[in-house]
Amino acid sequence: ANVTIDLKEIPEESVGLELMIIEQLNGEQEVIEAIPLKLKELNDSIAMYNIDIQASKPGIYKYAFRIYPKHEFLPHRQDFGFIKWL
């Protein structure tokens, strides 16, 4: 997968992007893995990320991309209203 984000004035080291793999069992959903994407290229404010994965086991899964803030003083990135889902 390739994801392109216009970071505007946000430094690239302040942004994280991950692929969430969610398994659905008996009507319940559970995040089974969060895989960070790698910054492939940065042109001005345009950041291009990529990830290459293969399915390792059969089943029904949902996939989502999550953009989150990164900073050494943020204790838990899920506690903030800065998370965006793609």
Protein backbone atom coordinates (compact mmCIF):
# COMPACT_ATOMS: atom_id res chain seq x y z
CA ALA A 1 0.00 0.00 0.00
CA ASN A 2 1.11 3.55 -0.69
CA VAL A 3 -0.25 6.54 1.23
CA THR A 4 0.47 10.17 0.38
CA ILE A 5 -0.13 12.91 2.95
CA ASP A 6 0.27 16.67 2.68
CA LEU A 7 1.82 17.53 6.04
CA LYS A 8 1.59 21.29 5.43
CA GLU A 9 3.83 22.79 8.13
CA ILE A 10 4.02 19.72 10.39
CA PRO A 11 7.52 18.18 10.60
CA GLU A 12 7.58 14.60 9.28
CA GLU A 13 9.07 13.31 12.55
CA SER A 14 5.92 14.51 14.37
CA VAL A 15 3.59 12.25 12.36
CA GLY A 16 3.16 8.50 12.50
CA LEU A 17 1.15 6.32 10.12
CA GLU A 18 0.24 2.71 10.76
CA LEU A 19 -1.81 -0.06 9.22
CA MET A 20 -4.27 -1.57 11.68
CA ILE A 21 -5.31 -5.19 11.10
CA ILE A 22 -8.61 -6.00 12.78
CA GLU A 23 -10.03 -9.50 13.13
CA GLN A 24 -13.74 -10.10 13.45
CA LEU A 25 -14.76 -13.12 15.52
CA ASN A 26 -18.27 -13.86 16.78
CA GLY A 27 -19.41 -10.30 16.12
CA GLU A 28 -16.51 -8.81 18.10
CA GLN A 29 -13.64 -6.85 16.59
CA GLU A 30 -10.10 -6.99 17.91
CA VAL A 31 -6.98 -5.21 16.72
CA ILE A 32 -4.48 -7.98 16.16
CA GLU A 33 -1.62 -5.95 14.73
CA ALA A 34 -0.52 -2.37 14.16
CA ILE A 35 2.24 -2.07 11.57
CA PRO A 36 4.02 1.27 11.08
CA LEU A 37 4.48 2.51 7.53
CA LYS A 38 7.87 3.76 6.44
CA LEU A 39 8.43 7.23 5.07
CA LYS A 40 9.52 6.52 1.51
CA GLU A 41 9.91 10.04 0.16
CA LEU A 42 9.39 13.66 1.21
CA ASN A 43 8.94 16.43 -1.37
CA ASP A 44 8.32 19.79 0.28
CA SER A 45 5.32 19.00 2.50
CA ILE A 46 4.19 15.90 0.58
CA ALA A 47 5.10 12.72 2.50
CA MET A 48 4.87 9.35 0.76
CA TYR A 49 4.66 6.25 2.92
CA ASN A 50 4.58 2.60 1.92
CA ILE A 51 4.11 -0.85 3.35
CA ASP A 52 4.36 -4.31 1.80
CA ILE A 53 2.67 -7.14 3.72
CA GLN A 54 1.35 -10.60 2.99
CA ALA A 55 -1.50 -12.39 4.70
CA SER A 56 -0.11 -14.95 7.12
CA LYS A 57 -3.31 -16.78 8.11
CA PRO A 58 -6.84 -17.20 6.77
CA GLY A 59 -9.81 -15.35 8.20
CA ILE A 60 -11.97 -12.26 7.90
CA TYR A 61 -10.03 -9.05 8.52
CA LYS A 62 -10.59 -5.34 8.26
CA TYR A 63 -7.78 -2.94 7.47
CA ALA A 64 -7.49 0.73 8.39
CA PHE A 65 -4.79 3.35 8.29
CA ARG A 66 -4.30 5.54 11.34
CA ILE A 67 -2.41 8.83 11.38
CA TYR A 68 -1.27 9.91 14.83
CA PRO A 69 0.95 12.56 16.45
CA LYS A 70 4.45 11.56 17.57
CA HIS A 71 6.36 13.42 20.24
CA GLU A 72 8.46 12.35 23.20
CA PHE A 73 6.16 14.24 25.62
CA LEU A 74 2.94 12.57 24.44
CA PRO A 75 2.36 9.70 26.90
CA HIS A 76 -0.43 7.96 24.93
CA ARG A 77 -1.24 8.90 21.36
CA GLN A 78 -4.77 7.44 21.62
CA ASP A 79 -5.70 9.97 24.33
CA PHE A 80 -5.62 12.92 21.97
CA GLY A 81 -8.08 14.26 19.43
CA PHE A 82 -5.35 14.40 16.79
CA ILE A 83 -5.81 10.86 15.48
CA LYS A 84 -7.28 10.54 11.98
CA TRP A 85 -8.52 7.36 10.34
CA LEU A 86 -8.24 6.78 6.59
